[in-house]
N, C-alpha and C. Protein backbone atom coordinates (compact mmCIF):
# COMPACT_ATOMS: atom_id res chain seq x y z
N MET A 1 17.24 -74.53 28.26
CA MET A 1 17.38 -73.11 28.53
C MET A 1 16.39 -72.73 29.64
N LEU A 2 16.82 -71.85 30.51
CA LEU A 2 15.99 -71.43 31.63
C LEU A 2 14.86 -70.51 31.14
N PRO A 3 13.73 -70.52 31.87
CA PRO A 3 12.63 -69.64 31.48
C PRO A 3 13.02 -68.17 31.61
N VAL A 4 12.37 -67.35 30.80
CA VAL A 4 12.64 -65.91 30.79
C VAL A 4 12.37 -65.30 32.16
N LYS A 5 11.39 -65.82 32.89
CA LYS A 5 11.06 -65.27 34.20
C LYS A 5 12.25 -65.33 35.15
N PHE A 6 13.07 -66.38 35.04
CA PHE A 6 14.26 -66.48 35.88
C PHE A 6 15.22 -65.33 35.58
N PHE A 7 15.44 -65.04 34.29
CA PHE A 7 16.35 -63.96 33.91
C PHE A 7 15.79 -62.61 34.34
N GLN A 8 14.47 -62.44 34.23
CA GLN A 8 13.86 -61.19 34.67
C GLN A 8 14.00 -61.04 36.18
N TRP A 9 13.83 -62.14 36.91
CA TRP A 9 13.98 -62.10 38.35
C TRP A 9 15.41 -61.71 38.75
N CYS A 10 16.40 -62.31 38.07
CA CYS A 10 17.80 -62.00 38.36
C CYS A 10 18.11 -60.53 38.11
N GLN A 11 17.61 -60.03 37.00
CA GLN A 11 17.90 -58.65 36.66
C GLN A 11 17.14 -57.69 37.57
N GLY A 12 16.06 -58.12 38.18
CA GLY A 12 15.28 -57.27 39.06
C GLY A 12 15.78 -57.22 40.49
N LEU A 13 16.77 -58.01 40.83
CA LEU A 13 17.30 -58.00 42.19
C LEU A 13 17.87 -56.63 42.53
N ALA A 14 17.73 -56.24 43.80
CA ALA A 14 18.25 -54.94 44.23
C ALA A 14 19.75 -54.86 44.01
N MET A 15 20.44 -55.98 44.21
CA MET A 15 21.89 -56.02 44.02
C MET A 15 22.25 -55.65 42.59
N SER A 16 21.50 -56.18 41.63
CA SER A 16 21.83 -55.89 40.23
C SER A 16 21.57 -54.42 39.91
N GLN A 17 20.57 -53.82 40.54
CA GLN A 17 20.30 -52.41 40.31
C GLN A 17 21.43 -51.54 40.87
N VAL A 18 21.96 -51.93 42.03
CA VAL A 18 23.10 -51.21 42.62
C VAL A 18 24.29 -51.30 41.68
N TYR A 19 24.52 -52.47 41.12
CA TYR A 19 25.64 -52.66 40.19
C TYR A 19 25.47 -51.81 38.94
N ARG A 20 24.27 -51.74 38.40
CA ARG A 20 24.04 -50.96 37.19
C ARG A 20 24.19 -49.46 37.44
N GLN A 21 23.88 -49.00 38.65
CA GLN A 21 23.95 -47.58 38.96
C GLN A 21 25.35 -47.13 39.39
N SER A 22 26.18 -48.06 39.83
CA SER A 22 27.51 -47.71 40.30
C SER A 22 28.47 -47.53 39.12
N VAL A 23 29.35 -46.55 39.25
CA VAL A 23 30.33 -46.30 38.20
C VAL A 23 31.47 -47.32 38.26
N TRP A 24 31.84 -47.75 39.44
CA TRP A 24 33.05 -48.57 39.59
C TRP A 24 32.80 -49.99 40.07
N LEU A 25 31.63 -50.31 40.62
CA LEU A 25 31.39 -51.61 41.23
C LEU A 25 31.48 -52.76 40.22
N PHE A 26 30.89 -52.59 39.05
CA PHE A 26 30.96 -53.64 38.04
C PHE A 26 32.40 -53.83 37.56
N ALA A 27 33.12 -52.73 37.37
CA ALA A 27 34.51 -52.81 36.91
C ALA A 27 35.39 -53.55 37.92
N VAL A 28 35.19 -53.27 39.20
CA VAL A 28 35.96 -53.96 40.24
C VAL A 28 35.62 -55.44 40.25
N THR A 29 34.33 -55.75 40.15
CA THR A 29 33.91 -57.15 40.12
C THR A 29 34.49 -57.87 38.91
N GLN A 30 34.48 -57.22 37.78
CA GLN A 30 35.03 -57.85 36.58
C GLN A 30 36.54 -58.05 36.71
N ALA A 31 37.24 -57.10 37.29
CA ALA A 31 38.68 -57.25 37.51
C ALA A 31 38.96 -58.42 38.44
N LEU A 32 38.18 -58.54 39.52
CA LEU A 32 38.34 -59.67 40.44
C LEU A 32 38.02 -60.99 39.74
N HIS A 33 37.02 -60.97 38.87
CA HIS A 33 36.65 -62.16 38.10
C HIS A 33 37.82 -62.60 37.23
N LEU A 34 38.47 -61.65 36.56
CA LEU A 34 39.60 -61.98 35.70
C LEU A 34 40.80 -62.48 36.50
N VAL A 35 41.04 -61.91 37.67
CA VAL A 35 42.14 -62.38 38.53
C VAL A 35 41.85 -63.81 38.99
N ALA A 36 40.61 -64.07 39.38
CA ALA A 36 40.24 -65.41 39.83
C ALA A 36 40.34 -66.42 38.69
N ILE A 37 39.92 -66.03 37.49
CA ILE A 37 40.05 -66.92 36.32
C ILE A 37 41.52 -67.24 36.07
N THR A 38 42.37 -66.23 36.19
CA THR A 38 43.80 -66.43 35.97
C THR A 38 44.38 -67.41 36.98
N ALA A 39 44.02 -67.24 38.25
CA ALA A 39 44.51 -68.16 39.29
C ALA A 39 43.99 -69.58 39.04
N PHE A 40 42.72 -69.70 38.71
CA PHE A 40 42.13 -71.00 38.45
C PHE A 40 42.79 -71.67 37.25
N MET A 41 42.92 -70.92 36.17
CA MET A 41 43.52 -71.50 34.96
C MET A 41 44.99 -71.85 35.18
N GLY A 42 45.69 -71.07 36.00
CA GLY A 42 47.07 -71.40 36.32
C GLY A 42 47.18 -72.71 37.06
N ALA A 43 46.26 -72.94 38.01
CA ALA A 43 46.26 -74.20 38.76
C ALA A 43 45.90 -75.38 37.85
N ILE A 44 44.96 -75.16 36.95
CA ILE A 44 44.60 -76.20 35.98
C ILE A 44 45.79 -76.47 35.05
N LEU A 45 46.38 -75.40 34.56
CA LEU A 45 47.46 -75.53 33.57
C LEU A 45 48.67 -76.27 34.12
N ILE A 46 49.06 -76.01 35.36
CA ILE A 46 50.24 -76.69 35.91
C ILE A 46 50.00 -78.19 35.99
N GLY A 47 48.78 -78.58 36.35
CA GLY A 47 48.44 -80.01 36.39
C GLY A 47 48.36 -80.62 35.00
N ASP A 48 47.77 -79.88 34.06
CA ASP A 48 47.66 -80.39 32.69
C ASP A 48 49.03 -80.52 32.03
N LEU A 49 49.90 -79.55 32.26
CA LEU A 49 51.24 -79.63 31.70
C LEU A 49 52.01 -80.82 32.26
N ARG A 50 51.82 -81.09 33.55
CA ARG A 50 52.50 -82.26 34.14
C ARG A 50 51.95 -83.55 33.54
N MET A 51 50.63 -83.61 33.30
CA MET A 51 50.07 -84.80 32.67
C MET A 51 50.56 -84.96 31.24
N LEU A 52 50.84 -83.86 30.57
CA LEU A 52 51.36 -83.91 29.21
C LEU A 52 52.84 -84.28 29.18
N GLY A 53 53.46 -84.36 30.36
CA GLY A 53 54.87 -84.74 30.43
C GLY A 53 55.81 -83.56 30.51
N TRP A 54 55.27 -82.36 30.60
CA TRP A 54 56.08 -81.16 30.72
C TRP A 54 56.03 -80.69 32.17
N GLY A 55 56.82 -79.74 32.50
CA GLY A 55 56.82 -79.20 33.85
C GLY A 55 57.79 -79.95 34.74
N PRO A 56 57.63 -79.82 36.03
CA PRO A 56 58.58 -80.42 36.98
C PRO A 56 58.48 -81.95 37.00
N ALA A 57 59.38 -82.60 36.30
CA ALA A 57 59.34 -84.07 36.19
C ALA A 57 59.72 -84.75 37.50
N GLN A 58 60.41 -84.03 38.40
CA GLN A 58 60.79 -84.64 39.67
C GLN A 58 59.60 -84.76 40.63
N GLN A 59 58.52 -84.08 40.33
CA GLN A 59 57.32 -84.18 41.16
C GLN A 59 56.30 -85.07 40.45
N SER A 60 55.58 -85.84 41.25
CA SER A 60 54.56 -86.72 40.68
C SER A 60 53.34 -85.91 40.25
N ARG A 61 52.55 -86.52 39.36
CA ARG A 61 51.28 -85.90 38.96
C ARG A 61 50.40 -85.66 40.18
N ALA A 62 50.34 -86.67 41.04
CA ALA A 62 49.48 -86.58 42.22
C ALA A 62 49.94 -85.46 43.15
N GLY A 63 51.24 -85.32 43.32
CA GLY A 63 51.75 -84.26 44.18
C GLY A 63 51.41 -82.88 43.67
N ILE A 64 51.56 -82.70 42.38
CA ILE A 64 51.21 -81.40 41.78
C ILE A 64 49.71 -81.16 41.86
N ALA A 65 48.92 -82.19 41.59
CA ALA A 65 47.46 -82.05 41.65
C ALA A 65 47.00 -81.69 43.06
N ARG A 66 47.57 -82.33 44.06
CA ARG A 66 47.20 -82.01 45.45
C ARG A 66 47.61 -80.58 45.80
N SER A 67 48.79 -80.16 45.35
CA SER A 67 49.25 -78.78 45.62
C SER A 67 48.34 -77.75 44.96
N ALA A 68 47.90 -78.03 43.76
CA ALA A 68 47.08 -77.07 43.01
C ALA A 68 45.61 -77.09 43.43
N HIS A 69 45.18 -78.14 44.13
CA HIS A 69 43.76 -78.29 44.46
C HIS A 69 43.22 -77.13 45.28
N ARG A 70 43.94 -76.69 46.29
CA ARG A 70 43.44 -75.60 47.15
C ARG A 70 43.27 -74.31 46.34
N VAL A 71 44.25 -74.01 45.49
CA VAL A 71 44.15 -72.81 44.65
C VAL A 71 42.96 -72.94 43.71
N MET A 72 42.82 -74.11 43.09
CA MET A 72 41.69 -74.34 42.18
C MET A 72 40.36 -74.13 42.89
N PHE A 73 40.24 -74.69 44.08
CA PHE A 73 38.98 -74.61 44.82
C PHE A 73 38.61 -73.16 45.14
N TRP A 74 39.52 -72.42 45.76
CA TRP A 74 39.21 -71.05 46.17
C TRP A 74 39.07 -70.12 44.97
N ALA A 75 39.88 -70.33 43.96
CA ALA A 75 39.76 -69.50 42.76
C ALA A 75 38.43 -69.77 42.06
N PHE A 76 38.01 -71.04 42.01
CA PHE A 76 36.73 -71.35 41.38
C PHE A 76 35.58 -70.70 42.14
N LEU A 77 35.63 -70.72 43.46
CA LEU A 77 34.58 -70.05 44.24
C LEU A 77 34.54 -68.56 43.94
N ALA A 78 35.71 -67.94 43.81
CA ALA A 78 35.76 -66.52 43.47
C ALA A 78 35.21 -66.27 42.07
N VAL A 79 35.57 -67.14 41.12
CA VAL A 79 35.04 -67.02 39.75
C VAL A 79 33.53 -67.14 39.77
N LEU A 80 33.03 -68.11 40.50
CA LEU A 80 31.58 -68.33 40.57
C LEU A 80 30.86 -67.13 41.18
N LEU A 81 31.35 -66.64 42.30
CA LEU A 81 30.71 -65.51 42.97
C LEU A 81 30.72 -64.26 42.10
N THR A 82 31.88 -63.92 41.57
CA THR A 82 31.96 -62.71 40.74
C THR A 82 31.19 -62.88 39.43
N GLY A 83 31.15 -64.11 38.90
CA GLY A 83 30.38 -64.37 37.69
C GLY A 83 28.89 -64.20 37.91
N ILE A 84 28.41 -64.68 39.05
CA ILE A 84 26.98 -64.52 39.38
C ILE A 84 26.64 -63.05 39.52
N LEU A 85 27.51 -62.29 40.19
CA LEU A 85 27.25 -60.85 40.35
C LEU A 85 27.19 -60.15 38.99
N GLN A 86 28.09 -60.51 38.09
CA GLN A 86 28.07 -59.90 36.77
C GLN A 86 26.83 -60.33 35.98
N PHE A 87 26.44 -61.59 36.13
CA PHE A 87 25.27 -62.10 35.42
C PHE A 87 24.01 -61.33 35.79
N THR A 88 23.82 -61.06 37.09
CA THR A 88 22.58 -60.42 37.53
C THR A 88 22.42 -59.01 36.98
N THR A 89 23.51 -58.36 36.62
CA THR A 89 23.40 -56.99 36.12
C THR A 89 22.78 -56.91 34.74
N ASN A 90 22.91 -57.99 33.97
CA ASN A 90 22.46 -57.95 32.58
C ASN A 90 21.83 -59.27 32.16
N ALA A 91 21.06 -59.87 33.04
CA ALA A 91 20.54 -61.22 32.82
C ALA A 91 19.70 -61.34 31.56
N MET A 92 18.92 -60.35 31.24
CA MET A 92 18.05 -60.45 30.07
C MET A 92 18.86 -60.49 28.77
N SER A 93 19.92 -59.71 28.69
CA SER A 93 20.72 -59.77 27.45
C SER A 93 21.47 -61.09 27.37
N TYR A 94 21.89 -61.63 28.52
CA TYR A 94 22.54 -62.95 28.51
C TYR A 94 21.56 -64.03 28.07
N SER A 95 20.28 -63.87 28.41
CA SER A 95 19.29 -64.89 28.03
C SER A 95 19.14 -64.99 26.52
N ARG A 96 19.46 -63.92 25.81
CA ARG A 96 19.35 -63.91 24.35
C ARG A 96 20.67 -64.21 23.64
N SER A 97 21.72 -64.46 24.40
CA SER A 97 23.05 -64.65 23.83
C SER A 97 23.34 -66.13 23.62
N TRP A 98 23.55 -66.52 22.36
CA TRP A 98 23.89 -67.92 22.09
C TRP A 98 25.27 -68.25 22.65
N THR A 99 26.17 -67.27 22.70
CA THR A 99 27.51 -67.55 23.23
C THR A 99 27.46 -67.80 24.73
N PHE A 100 26.61 -67.07 25.44
CA PHE A 100 26.46 -67.29 26.88
C PHE A 100 25.89 -68.68 27.15
N THR A 101 24.85 -69.04 26.40
CA THR A 101 24.24 -70.36 26.57
C THR A 101 25.25 -71.47 26.28
N TYR A 102 25.99 -71.33 25.19
CA TYR A 102 27.00 -72.32 24.83
C TYR A 102 28.10 -72.39 25.89
N LYS A 103 28.53 -71.24 26.39
CA LYS A 103 29.56 -71.22 27.42
C LYS A 103 29.09 -71.95 28.68
N MET A 104 27.85 -71.74 29.07
CA MET A 104 27.34 -72.39 30.29
C MET A 104 27.28 -73.91 30.12
N TRP A 105 26.83 -74.38 28.96
CA TRP A 105 26.79 -75.83 28.72
C TRP A 105 28.21 -76.40 28.67
N LEU A 106 29.10 -75.68 28.02
CA LEU A 106 30.49 -76.11 27.95
C LEU A 106 31.13 -76.11 29.33
N LEU A 107 30.82 -75.12 30.14
CA LEU A 107 31.34 -75.04 31.51
C LEU A 107 30.87 -76.23 32.34
N VAL A 108 29.60 -76.58 32.25
CA VAL A 108 29.08 -77.73 32.99
C VAL A 108 29.78 -79.01 32.55
N ALA A 109 29.91 -79.22 31.26
CA ALA A 109 30.58 -80.42 30.75
C ALA A 109 32.04 -80.46 31.20
N THR A 110 32.71 -79.33 31.15
CA THR A 110 34.11 -79.27 31.54
C THR A 110 34.28 -79.50 33.03
N LEU A 111 33.38 -78.97 33.84
CA LEU A 111 33.44 -79.21 35.28
C LEU A 111 33.24 -80.69 35.60
N VAL A 112 32.29 -81.31 34.94
CA VAL A 112 32.07 -82.75 35.14
C VAL A 112 33.32 -83.52 34.76
N PHE A 113 33.90 -83.21 33.62
CA PHE A 113 35.13 -83.86 33.18
C PHE A 113 36.25 -83.65 34.21
N THR A 114 36.37 -82.43 34.73
CA THR A 114 37.45 -82.09 35.66
C THR A 114 37.32 -82.82 36.99
N VAL A 115 36.12 -82.88 37.53
CA VAL A 115 35.97 -83.51 38.86
C VAL A 115 35.85 -85.03 38.78
N THR A 116 35.73 -85.57 37.58
CA THR A 116 35.67 -87.03 37.46
C THR A 116 36.95 -87.56 36.84
N LEU A 117 37.02 -87.59 35.53
CA LEU A 117 38.14 -88.22 34.83
C LEU A 117 39.47 -87.53 35.09
N ARG A 118 39.51 -86.21 34.93
CA ARG A 118 40.78 -85.50 35.12
C ARG A 118 41.29 -85.68 36.54
N ARG A 119 40.41 -85.56 37.51
CA ARG A 119 40.80 -85.69 38.91
C ARG A 119 41.37 -87.08 39.20
N SER A 120 40.69 -88.12 38.71
CA SER A 120 41.16 -89.48 38.99
C SER A 120 42.51 -89.76 38.34
N VAL A 121 42.73 -89.24 37.14
CA VAL A 121 44.02 -89.45 36.47
C VAL A 121 45.10 -88.60 37.13
N ALA A 122 44.78 -87.37 37.44
CA ALA A 122 45.78 -86.47 38.03
C ALA A 122 46.23 -86.95 39.41
N LEU A 123 45.33 -87.52 40.20
CA LEU A 123 45.67 -87.95 41.55
C LEU A 123 46.19 -89.38 41.61
N SER A 124 46.27 -90.04 40.47
CA SER A 124 46.73 -91.43 40.46
C SER A 124 48.26 -91.50 40.49
N ASP A 125 48.75 -92.68 40.85
CA ASP A 125 50.20 -92.92 40.77
C ASP A 125 50.63 -92.86 39.32
N ASP A 126 51.88 -92.45 39.12
CA ASP A 126 52.38 -92.30 37.75
C ASP A 126 52.36 -93.61 36.95
N ALA A 127 52.46 -94.74 37.64
CA ALA A 127 52.52 -96.03 36.93
C ALA A 127 51.15 -96.68 36.75
N ARG A 128 50.10 -96.07 37.23
CA ARG A 128 48.77 -96.69 37.18
C ARG A 128 48.22 -96.79 35.76
N PHE A 129 48.45 -95.77 34.95
CA PHE A 129 47.91 -95.74 33.59
C PHE A 129 49.04 -95.79 32.58
N PRO A 130 48.75 -96.27 31.37
CA PRO A 130 49.75 -96.15 30.30
C PRO A 130 50.05 -94.66 30.07
N SER A 131 51.21 -94.35 29.56
CA SER A 131 51.64 -92.94 29.44
C SER A 131 50.73 -92.10 28.55
N TRP A 132 50.02 -92.71 27.62
CA TRP A 132 49.16 -91.94 26.72
C TRP A 132 47.88 -91.46 27.42
N VAL A 133 47.44 -92.15 28.47
CA VAL A 133 46.19 -91.76 29.15
C VAL A 133 46.31 -90.39 29.80
N PRO A 134 47.32 -90.15 30.66
CA PRO A 134 47.43 -88.81 31.22
C PRO A 134 47.65 -87.72 30.17
N LYS A 135 48.37 -88.06 29.11
CA LYS A 135 48.59 -87.07 28.06
C LYS A 135 47.28 -86.71 27.36
N LEU A 136 46.46 -87.70 27.09
CA LEU A 136 45.17 -87.45 26.45
C LEU A 136 44.25 -86.64 27.38
N VAL A 137 44.21 -87.02 28.65
CA VAL A 137 43.36 -86.32 29.62
C VAL A 137 43.85 -84.89 29.81
N GLY A 138 45.17 -84.69 29.91
CA GLY A 138 45.72 -83.35 30.06
C GLY A 138 45.42 -82.47 28.85
N ALA A 139 45.55 -83.03 27.65
CA ALA A 139 45.26 -82.26 26.44
C ALA A 139 43.77 -81.93 26.36
N ALA A 140 42.92 -82.89 26.70
CA ALA A 140 41.47 -82.63 26.68
C ALA A 140 41.08 -81.57 27.71
N SER A 141 41.66 -81.67 28.89
CA SER A 141 41.36 -80.69 29.94
C SER A 141 41.78 -79.29 29.51
N PHE A 142 42.99 -79.17 29.01
CA PHE A 142 43.47 -77.86 28.56
C PHE A 142 42.58 -77.30 27.46
N THR A 143 42.21 -78.13 26.50
CA THR A 143 41.37 -77.70 25.39
C THR A 143 39.99 -77.27 25.88
N LEU A 144 39.38 -78.05 26.75
CA LEU A 144 38.05 -77.71 27.26
C LEU A 144 38.06 -76.40 28.04
N TRP A 145 39.04 -76.23 28.94
CA TRP A 145 39.09 -75.01 29.74
C TRP A 145 39.39 -73.79 28.89
N MET A 146 40.24 -73.94 27.89
CA MET A 146 40.50 -72.80 27.00
C MET A 146 39.25 -72.45 26.19
N ALA A 147 38.48 -73.45 25.81
CA ALA A 147 37.23 -73.19 25.08
C ALA A 147 36.25 -72.42 25.96
N VAL A 148 36.18 -72.76 27.24
CA VAL A 148 35.30 -72.02 28.17
C VAL A 148 35.75 -70.56 28.25
N VAL A 149 37.05 -70.34 28.38
CA VAL A 149 37.57 -68.97 28.47
C VAL A 149 37.29 -68.20 27.18
N VAL A 150 37.53 -68.81 26.05
CA VAL A 150 37.30 -68.14 24.76
C VAL A 150 35.81 -67.81 24.59
N MET A 151 34.95 -68.75 24.94
CA MET A 151 33.50 -68.48 24.83
C MET A 151 33.09 -67.35 25.77
N GLY A 152 33.68 -67.31 26.95
CA GLY A 152 33.40 -66.21 27.88
C GLY A 152 33.80 -64.87 27.29
N ARG A 153 34.92 -64.84 26.62
CA ARG A 153 35.38 -63.61 26.01
C ARG A 153 34.49 -63.23 24.82
N LEU A 154 34.01 -64.20 24.08
CA LEU A 154 33.17 -63.91 22.91
C LEU A 154 31.79 -63.38 23.28
N ILE A 155 31.37 -63.56 24.52
CA ILE A 155 30.07 -63.03 24.95
C ILE A 155 29.99 -61.53 24.70
N THR A 156 31.10 -60.86 24.87
CA THR A 156 31.14 -59.40 24.65
C THR A 156 30.80 -59.03 23.22
N TYR A 157 31.17 -59.87 22.28
CA TYR A 157 31.04 -59.52 20.87
C TYR A 157 29.78 -60.06 20.20
N TYR A 158 29.12 -61.05 20.79
CA TYR A 158 27.94 -61.63 20.15
C TYR A 158 26.75 -61.63 21.06
């Protein structure tokens, strides 16, 4: 866990004070965050569904993964930027939230899984792995990303 001074520093930024004083700025940022999450999860989901054997069977896993990569990349950058802006507005309360801490650890683990194992399986030829490997990786990816989303939503309540 990060030291409390880091959270105090984040909350003391001029940007976070502007966000706390504005009536609409936080709401717009949160709306953009949700749109970016939706785009990112859609790109993840189409690849995971193809690995599970559903979706457009006439397209290869690698073709779908390459098509979704650009959307995933830009949507993730938008999620990251808007998430950081939201974090700075209330950093001290996030520092005390077990759900926020758990979400961040889960997010890091899921990102590592996504850029390593999921990426290598998704970009591979369809015949490279036995059929159960992509299905297992697709199911794990879907489960991990949904857990990150659910934990993000639970931050509001705990």
